[in-house]
């Protein structure tokens, strides 16, 4: 059966290279016969600020969060695969994406249960960076992002089948105008190959059996 993918986009401009990458991946996923839920955080007006109604209650993992957050949780739960496309600013994802994680990937939902509710999903973080592979390696940017996104978020939330891939050289201001169309085409092709390698050409793993901090309570996920 074809997979259902939650495709998350984090860029304010609809004509950005990031948006074009997301659109190419959307088209490829549909061509494969899958269904796609496009979550454009800026276009949907998602508020990244964590307020008291969505603050974790460490004494109550059954806390009912705000309607907006619960709607996003439902979209995450419905997905077989999650693909997140974003630019890297100041060595990190955009604030709106970090705020989406803060609010939606919350205690009692994405973590804090002996049986991870998100187990079995596959997750691809696709980051756009302006520098060359050599520059980015020298600065340690990919390692820093991997520690945050793969180890600190994905694996902590029970998604061992998660990866971070980088599109390098996405800053087009230094590319001669007459060569930019060709460079964009190269990057879009690379993004599609990445999707194929990480998700479309891969076999899904079985549901994770890893546990979070609440191993003393082996309750069913709900």
C-alpha atoms as a PDB file:
ATOM      1  CA  UNK A   1       0.000   0.000   0.000  1.00  0.00           C
ATOM      2  CA  UNK A   2       1.313   3.458  -0.890  1.00  0.00           C
ATOM      3  CA  UNK A   3       2.603   5.559   1.967  1.00  0.00           C
ATOM      4  CA  UNK A   4       1.012   8.705   3.341  1.00  0.00           C
ATOM      5  CA  UNK A   5       3.627  11.438   3.766  1.00  0.00           C
ATOM      6  CA  UNK A   6       3.544  14.569   5.887  1.00  0.00           C
ATOM      7  CA  UNK A   7       5.655  17.071   3.939  1.00  0.00           C
ATOM      8  CA  UNK A   8       6.683  19.968   6.183  1.00  0.00           C
ATOM      9  CA  UNK A   9       7.957  23.187   4.610  1.00  0.00           C
ATOM     10  CA  UNK A  10       9.602  25.977   6.601  1.00  0.00           C
ATOM     11  CA  UNK A  11      10.295  29.031   4.430  1.00  0.00           C
ATOM     12  CA  UNK A  12       8.421  32.354   4.251  1.00  0.00           C
ATOM     13  CA  UNK A  13       8.606  32.797   0.451  1.00  0.00           C
ATOM     14  CA  UNK A  14       6.594  30.680  -1.947  1.00  0.00           C
ATOM     15  CA  UNK A  15       9.166  31.323  -4.709  1.00  0.00           C
ATOM     16  CA  UNK A  16      12.158  30.272  -2.606  1.00  0.00           C
ATOM     17  CA  UNK A  17      14.467  27.426  -3.562  1.00  0.00           C
ATOM     18  CA  UNK A  18      13.281  25.641  -0.411  1.00  0.00           C
ATOM     19  CA  UNK A  19       9.680  25.846  -1.627  1.00  0.00           C
ATOM     20  CA  UNK A  20      10.707  24.609  -5.066  1.00  0.00           C
ATOM     21  CA  UNK A  21      12.437  21.614  -3.475  1.00  0.00           C
ATOM     22  CA  UNK A  22       9.310  20.815  -1.471  1.00  0.00           C
ATOM     23  CA  UNK A  23       7.174  21.088  -4.612  1.00  0.00           C
ATOM     24  CA  UNK A  24       9.456  18.676  -6.501  1.00  0.00           C
ATOM     25  CA  UNK A  25       9.278  16.166  -3.658  1.00  0.00           C
ATOM     26  CA  UNK A  26       5.502  16.558  -3.486  1.00  0.00           C
ATOM     27  CA  UNK A  27       5.206  15.761  -7.192  1.00  0.00           C
ATOM     28  CA  UNK A  28       7.521  12.734  -6.903  1.00  0.00           C
ATOM     29  CA  UNK A  29       5.620  11.314  -3.926  1.00  0.00           C
ATOM     30  CA  UNK A  30       2.326  11.612  -5.823  1.00  0.00           C
ATOM     31  CA  UNK A  31       3.887  10.032  -8.913  1.00  0.00           C
ATOM     32  CA  UNK A  32       4.746   7.060  -6.714  1.00  0.00           C
ATOM     33  CA  UNK A  33       1.063   6.680  -5.865  1.00  0.00           C
ATOM     34  CA  UNK A  34       1.294   8.007  -2.339  1.00  0.00           C
ATOM     35  CA  UNK A  35      -0.803  10.626  -0.614  1.00  0.00           C
ATOM     36  CA  UNK A  36       0.762  13.823   0.677  1.00  0.00           C
ATOM     37  CA  UNK A  37      -0.265  16.267   3.390  1.00  0.00           C
ATOM     38  CA  UNK A  38       1.668  19.485   2.744  1.00  0.00           C
ATOM     39  CA  UNK A  39       2.235  21.413   5.954  1.00  0.00           C
ATOM     40  CA  UNK A  40       3.531  24.849   4.975  1.00  0.00           C
ATOM     41  CA  UNK A  41       4.192  26.364   8.377  1.00  0.00           C
ATOM     42  CA  UNK A  42       4.354  29.973   7.178  1.00  0.00           C
ATOM     43  CA  UNK A  43       1.410  29.744   4.782  1.00  0.00           C
ATOM     44  CA  UNK A  44      -0.753  28.185   7.492  1.00  0.00           C
ATOM     45  CA  UNK A  45       0.230  30.900   9.960  1.00  0.00           C
ATOM     46  CA  UNK A  46       1.598  28.489  12.555  1.00  0.00           C
ATOM     47  CA  UNK A  47       2.497  30.277  15.796  1.00  0.00           C
ATOM     48  CA  UNK A  48       5.878  28.943  16.987  1.00  0.00           C
ATOM     49  CA  UNK A  49       5.690  30.558  20.424  1.00  0.00           C
ATOM     50  CA  UNK A  50       5.187  28.091  23.266  1.00  0.00           C
ATOM     51  CA  UNK A  51       2.523  29.435  25.623  1.00  0.00           C
ATOM     52  CA  UNK A  52       1.187  28.010  28.932  1.00  0.00           C
ATOM     53  CA  UNK A  53      -1.608  25.997  27.292  1.00  0.00           C
ATOM     54  CA  UNK A  54       1.010  23.986  25.392  1.00  0.00           C
ATOM     55  CA  UNK A  55       3.728  23.901  28.021  1.00  0.00           C
ATOM     56  CA  UNK A  56       4.560  20.332  29.104  1.00  0.00           C
ATOM     57  CA  UNK A  57       3.120  19.275  32.458  1.00  0.00           C
ATOM     58  CA  UNK A  58       5.675  16.823  33.825  1.00  0.00           C
ATOM     59  CA  UNK A  59       3.132  15.477  36.322  1.00  0.00           C
ATOM     60  CA  UNK A  60       0.437  14.888  33.704  1.00  0.00           C
ATOM     61  CA  UNK A  61       1.398  13.286  30.415  1.00  0.00           C
ATOM     62  CA  UNK A  62      -2.314  13.145  29.497  1.00  0.00           C
ATOM     63  CA  UNK A  63      -2.520  16.938  29.361  1.00  0.00           C
ATOM     64  CA  UNK A  64      -4.886  18.147  26.648  1.00  0.00           C
ATOM     65  CA  UNK A  65      -3.038  20.684  24.537  1.00  0.00           C
ATOM     66  CA  UNK A  66      -4.499  23.540  22.505  1.00  0.00           C
ATOM     67  CA  UNK A  67      -6.803  22.777  19.529  1.00  0.00           C
ATOM     68  CA  UNK A  68      -4.141  23.990  17.075  1.00  0.00           C
ATOM     69  CA  UNK A  69      -1.523  21.663  18.515  1.00  0.00           C
ATOM     70  CA  UNK A  70      -3.902  18.695  18.691  1.00  0.00           C
ATOM     71  CA  UNK A  71      -4.762  19.194  15.016  1.00  0.00           C
ATOM     72  CA  UNK A  72      -1.062  19.078  14.139  1.00  0.00           C
ATOM     73  CA  UNK A  73      -0.561  16.006  16.309  1.00  0.00           C
ATOM     74  CA  UNK A  74      -3.282  14.255  14.323  1.00  0.00           C
ATOM     75  CA  UNK A  75      -1.475  15.080  11.086  1.00  0.00           C
ATOM     76  CA  UNK A  76       1.779  13.657  12.446  1.00  0.00           C
ATOM     77  CA  UNK A  77       0.049  10.484  13.642  1.00  0.00           C
ATOM     78  CA  UNK A  78      -1.641   9.969  10.273  1.00  0.00           C
ATOM     79  CA  UNK A  79       1.673   9.940   8.391  1.00  0.00           C
ATOM     80  CA  UNK A  80       3.727   6.879   7.516  1.00  0.00           C
ATOM     81  CA  UNK A  81       6.654   9.079   6.496  1.00  0.00           C
ATOM     82  CA  UNK A  82       7.610  12.616   7.494  1.00  0.00           C
ATOM     83  CA  UNK A  83       9.765  14.805   5.259  1.00  0.00           C
ATOM     84  CA  UNK A  84      10.903  18.189   6.575  1.00  0.00           C
ATOM     85  CA  UNK A  85      12.398  20.692   4.113  1.00  0.00           C
ATOM     86  CA  UNK A  86      14.067  23.787   5.518  1.00  0.00           C
ATOM     87  CA  UNK A  87      16.948  26.248   5.106  1.00  0.00           C
ATOM     88  CA  UNK A  88      19.694  26.467   7.712  1.00  0.00           C
ATOM     89  CA  UNK A  89      19.981  29.916   9.309  1.00  0.00           C
ATOM     90  CA  UNK A  90      22.586  30.630  12.000  1.00  0.00           C
ATOM     91  CA  UNK A  91      23.516  26.917  12.131  1.00  0.00           C
ATOM     92  CA  UNK A  92      19.935  25.948  13.027  1.00  0.00           C
ATOM     93  CA  UNK A  93      16.518  25.407  11.411  1.00  0.00           C
ATOM     94  CA  UNK A  94      14.217  28.439  11.176  1.00  0.00           C
ATOM     95  CA  UNK A  95      12.542  29.479  14.434  1.00  0.00           C
ATOM     96  CA  UNK A  96       9.124  28.495  13.083  1.00  0.00           C
ATOM     97  CA  UNK A  97      10.281  24.889  12.642  1.00  0.00           C
ATOM     98  CA  UNK A  98      11.881  24.773  16.088  1.00  0.00           C
ATOM     99  CA  UNK A  99       8.628  26.179  17.510  1.00  0.00           C
ATOM    100  CA  UNK A 100       6.628  23.479  15.699  1.00  0.00           C
ATOM    101  CA  UNK A 101       8.768  20.851  17.408  1.00  0.00           C
ATOM    102  CA  UNK A 102       8.463  22.618  20.773  1.00  0.00           C
ATOM    103  CA  UNK A 103       4.679  22.797  20.618  1.00  0.00           C
ATOM    104  CA  UNK A 104       3.637  19.698  18.661  1.00  0.00           C
ATOM    105  CA  UNK A 105       6.294  17.092  19.484  1.00  0.00           C
ATOM    106  CA  UNK A 106       5.283  17.457  23.076  1.00  0.00           C
ATOM    107  CA  UNK A 107       5.426  15.450  26.306  1.00  0.00           C
ATOM    108  CA  UNK A 108       2.925  12.611  26.362  1.00  0.00           C
ATOM    109  CA  UNK A 109       2.614  12.688  22.585  1.00  0.00           C
ATOM    110  CA  UNK A 110       6.005  12.377  20.903  1.00  0.00           C
ATOM    111  CA  UNK A 111       7.939  11.307  23.988  1.00  0.00           C
ATOM    112  CA  UNK A 112       7.385  10.343  27.597  1.00  0.00           C
ATOM    113  CA  UNK A 113       5.743   6.946  27.026  1.00  0.00           C
ATOM    114  CA  UNK A 114       7.145   3.461  27.324  1.00  0.00           C
ATOM    115  CA  UNK A 115       5.792   2.676  23.842  1.00  0.00           C
ATOM    116  CA  UNK A 116       6.689   5.566  21.522  1.00  0.00           C
ATOM    117  CA  UNK A 117       3.561   6.682  19.686  1.00  0.00           C
ATOM    118  CA  UNK A 118       5.558   7.641  16.606  1.00  0.00           C
ATOM    119  CA  UNK A 119       7.433   4.342  16.366  1.00  0.00           C
ATOM    120  CA  UNK A 120       7.618   2.847  12.883  1.00  0.00           C
ATOM    121  CA  UNK A 121       7.475   6.171  11.043  1.00  0.00           C
ATOM    122  CA  UNK A 122      10.335   7.205   8.788  1.00  0.00           C
ATOM    123  CA  UNK A 123      11.685  10.738   8.959  1.00  0.00           C
ATOM    124  CA  UNK A 124      13.839  12.676   6.509  1.00  0.00           C
ATOM    125  CA  UNK A 125      15.253  16.053   7.468  1.00  0.00           C
ATOM    126  CA  UNK A 126      16.326  17.798   4.251  1.00  0.00           C
ATOM    127  CA  UNK A 127      18.406  20.892   4.943  1.00  0.00           C
ATOM    128  CA  UNK A 128      19.467  23.553   2.440  1.00  0.00           C
ATOM    129  CA  UNK A 129      22.873  25.117   3.149  1.00  0.00           C
ATOM    130  CA  UNK A 130      24.600  27.822   1.152  1.00  0.00           C
ATOM    131  CA  UNK A 131      28.201  26.729   1.636  1.00  0.00           C
ATOM    132  CA  UNK A 132      30.246  24.124  -0.146  1.00  0.00           C
ATOM    133  CA  UNK A 133      30.588  20.633   1.369  1.00  0.00           C
ATOM    134  CA  UNK A 134      34.140  21.514   2.402  1.00  0.00           C
ATOM    135  CA  UNK A 135      33.118  24.746   4.141  1.00  0.00           C
ATOM    136  CA  UNK A 136      30.231  23.072   5.937  1.00  0.00           C
ATOM    137  CA  UNK A 137      32.414  20.151   7.049  1.00  0.00           C
ATOM    138  CA  UNK A 138      35.074  22.531   8.379  1.00  0.00           C
ATOM    139  CA  UNK A 139      32.452  24.368  10.444  1.00  0.00           C
ATOM    140  CA  UNK A 140      30.875  21.167  11.726  1.00  0.00           C
ATOM    141  CA  UNK A 141      27.400  22.306  10.695  1.00  0.00           C
ATOM    142  CA  UNK A 142      26.105  18.912   9.577  1.00  0.00           C
ATOM    143  CA  UNK A 143      27.342  17.253  12.761  1.00  0.00           C
ATOM    144  CA  UNK A 144      25.669  19.907  14.893  1.00  0.00           C
ATOM    145  CA  UNK A 145      22.371  19.582  13.014  1.00  0.00           C
ATOM    146  CA  UNK A 146      22.515  15.798  13.157  1.00  0.00           C
ATOM    147  CA  UNK A 147      22.985  15.843  16.911  1.00  0.00           C
ATOM    148  CA  UNK A 148      19.956  18.109  17.271  1.00  0.00           C
ATOM    149  CA  UNK A 149      17.569  16.633  14.726  1.00  0.00           C
ATOM    150  CA  UNK A 150      18.473  12.941  14.516  1.00  0.00           C
ATOM    151  CA  UNK A 151      19.717  12.195  18.028  1.00  0.00           C
ATOM    152  CA  UNK A 152      18.030  14.874  20.118  1.00  0.00           C
ATOM    153  CA  UNK A 153      14.609  14.788  18.453  1.00  0.00           C
ATOM    154  CA  UNK A 154      14.074  11.789  16.169  1.00  0.00           C
ATOM    155  CA  UNK A 155      15.714   9.036  18.182  1.00  0.00           C
ATOM    156  CA  UNK A 156      14.554  10.502  21.494  1.00  0.00           C
ATOM    157  CA  UNK A 157      10.984  10.315  20.175  1.00  0.00           C
ATOM    158  CA  UNK A 158      11.324   6.671  19.136  1.00  0.00           C
ATOM    159  CA  UNK A 159      12.089   7.161  15.438  1.00  0.00           C
ATOM    160  CA  UNK A 160      15.371   5.343  14.775  1.00  0.00           C
ATOM    161  CA  UNK A 161      14.651   5.344  11.025  1.00  0.00           C
ATOM    162  CA  UNK A 162      15.539   9.016  10.660  1.00  0.00           C
ATOM    163  CA  UNK A 163      18.199  10.753   8.602  1.00  0.00           C
ATOM    164  CA  UNK A 164      19.574  14.193   7.882  1.00  0.00           C
ATOM    165  CA  UNK A 165      20.573  14.999   4.305  1.00  0.00           C
ATOM    166  CA  UNK A 166      22.009  18.291   3.078  1.00  0.00           C
ATOM    167  CA  UNK A 167      21.723  20.124  -0.224  1.00  0.00           C
ATOM    168  CA  UNK A 168      24.939  22.147  -0.474  1.00  0.00           C
ATOM    169  CA  UNK A 169      25.616  25.323  -2.415  1.00  0.00           C
ATOM    170  CA  UNK A 170      22.061  26.606  -2.309  1.00  0.00           C
ATOM    171  CA  UNK A 171      23.037  30.283  -2.036  1.00  0.00           C
ATOM    172  CA  UNK A 172      22.487  31.508  -5.594  1.00  0.00           C
ATOM    173  CA  UNK A 173      23.627  35.120  -5.220  1.00  0.00           C
ATOM    174  CA  UNK A 174      27.166  34.128  -6.156  1.00  0.00           C
ATOM    175  CA  UNK A 175      26.040  32.222  -9.251  1.00  0.00           C
ATOM    176  CA  UNK A 176      25.978  34.192 -12.525  1.00  0.00           C
ATOM    177  CA  UNK A 177      22.415  35.003 -13.534  1.00  0.00           C
ATOM    178  CA  UNK A 178      22.666  33.061 -16.780  1.00  0.00           C
ATOM    179  CA  UNK A 179      23.676  29.919 -14.864  1.00  0.00           C
ATOM    180  CA  UNK A 180      21.090  30.028 -12.080  1.00  0.00           C
ATOM    181  CA  UNK A 181      18.343  28.132 -13.882  1.00  0.00           C
ATOM    182  CA  UNK A 182      20.726  25.275 -14.495  1.00  0.00           C
ATOM    183  CA  UNK A 183      21.960  25.311 -10.901  1.00  0.00           C
ATOM    184  CA  UNK A 184      18.409  25.205  -9.565  1.00  0.00           C
ATOM    185  CA  UNK A 185      17.642  22.255 -11.838  1.00  0.00           C
ATOM    186  CA  UNK A 186      20.687  20.420 -10.470  1.00  0.00           C
ATOM    187  CA  UNK A 187      19.590  21.001  -6.893  1.00  0.00           C
ATOM    188  CA  UNK A 188      16.039  19.866  -7.577  1.00  0.00           C
ATOM    189  CA  UNK A 189      17.336  16.693  -9.206  1.00  0.00           C
ATOM    190  CA  UNK A 190      19.593  16.084  -6.209  1.00  0.00           C
ATOM    191  CA  UNK A 191      16.662  16.553  -3.822  1.00  0.00           C
ATOM    192  CA  UNK A 192      14.607  14.009  -5.744  1.00  0.00           C
ATOM    193  CA  UNK A 193      17.492  11.516  -5.716  1.00  0.00           C
ATOM    194  CA  UNK A 194      17.796  12.011  -1.969  1.00  0.00           C
ATOM    195  CA  UNK A 195      14.106  11.252  -1.480  1.00  0.00           C
ATOM    196  CA  UNK A 196      14.477   8.102  -3.563  1.00  0.00           C
ATOM    197  CA  UNK A 197      17.522   6.917  -1.630  1.00  0.00           C
ATOM    198  CA  UNK A 198      16.120   7.620   1.819  1.00  0.00           C
ATOM    199  CA  UNK A 199      12.442   6.710   1.451  1.00  0.00           C
ATOM    200  CA  UNK A 200      11.193   5.530  -1.926  1.00  0.00           C
ATOM    201  CA  UNK A 201      13.944   3.004  -2.502  1.00  0.00           C
ATOM    202  CA  UNK A 202      14.166   1.882   1.111  1.00  0.00           C
ATOM    203  CA  UNK A 203      12.262  -0.775   3.000  1.00  0.00           C
ATOM    204  CA  UNK A 204      10.401   0.528   6.059  1.00  0.00           C
ATOM    205  CA  UNK A 205      11.648  -0.838   9.347  1.00  0.00           C
ATOM    206  CA  UNK A 206       9.410  -2.540  11.833  1.00  0.00           C
ATOM    207  CA  UNK A 207       8.006  -0.511  14.709  1.00  0.00           C
ATOM    208  CA  UNK A 208      10.683   0.535  17.166  1.00  0.00           C
ATOM    209  CA  UNK A 209      10.887  -1.209  20.500  1.00  0.00           C
ATOM    210  CA  UNK A 210      13.021   1.456  22.130  1.00  0.00           C
ATOM    211  CA  UNK A 211      11.603   2.998  25.270  1.00  0.00           C
ATOM    212  CA  UNK A 212      11.574   6.487  26.674  1.00  0.00           C
ATOM    213  CA  UNK A 213      11.968   7.525  30.273  1.00  0.00           C
ATOM    214  CA  UNK A 214       8.665   6.029  31.452  1.00  0.00           C
ATOM    215  CA  UNK A 215       9.707   2.387  31.374  1.00  0.00           C
ATOM    216  CA  UNK A 216       8.063   1.712  34.704  1.00  0.00           C
ATOM    217  CA  UNK A 217       4.616   2.046  33.144  1.00  0.00           C
ATOM    218  CA  UNK A 218       4.133  -0.291  30.173  1.00  0.00           C
ATOM    219  CA  UNK A 219       0.864   1.246  29.094  1.00  0.00           C
ATOM    220  CA  UNK A 220      -0.390   0.943  25.520  1.00  0.00           C
ATOM    221  CA  UNK A 221       0.171   3.984  23.339  1.00  0.00           C
ATOM    222  CA  UNK A 222      -2.933   6.097  22.988  1.00  0.00           C
END
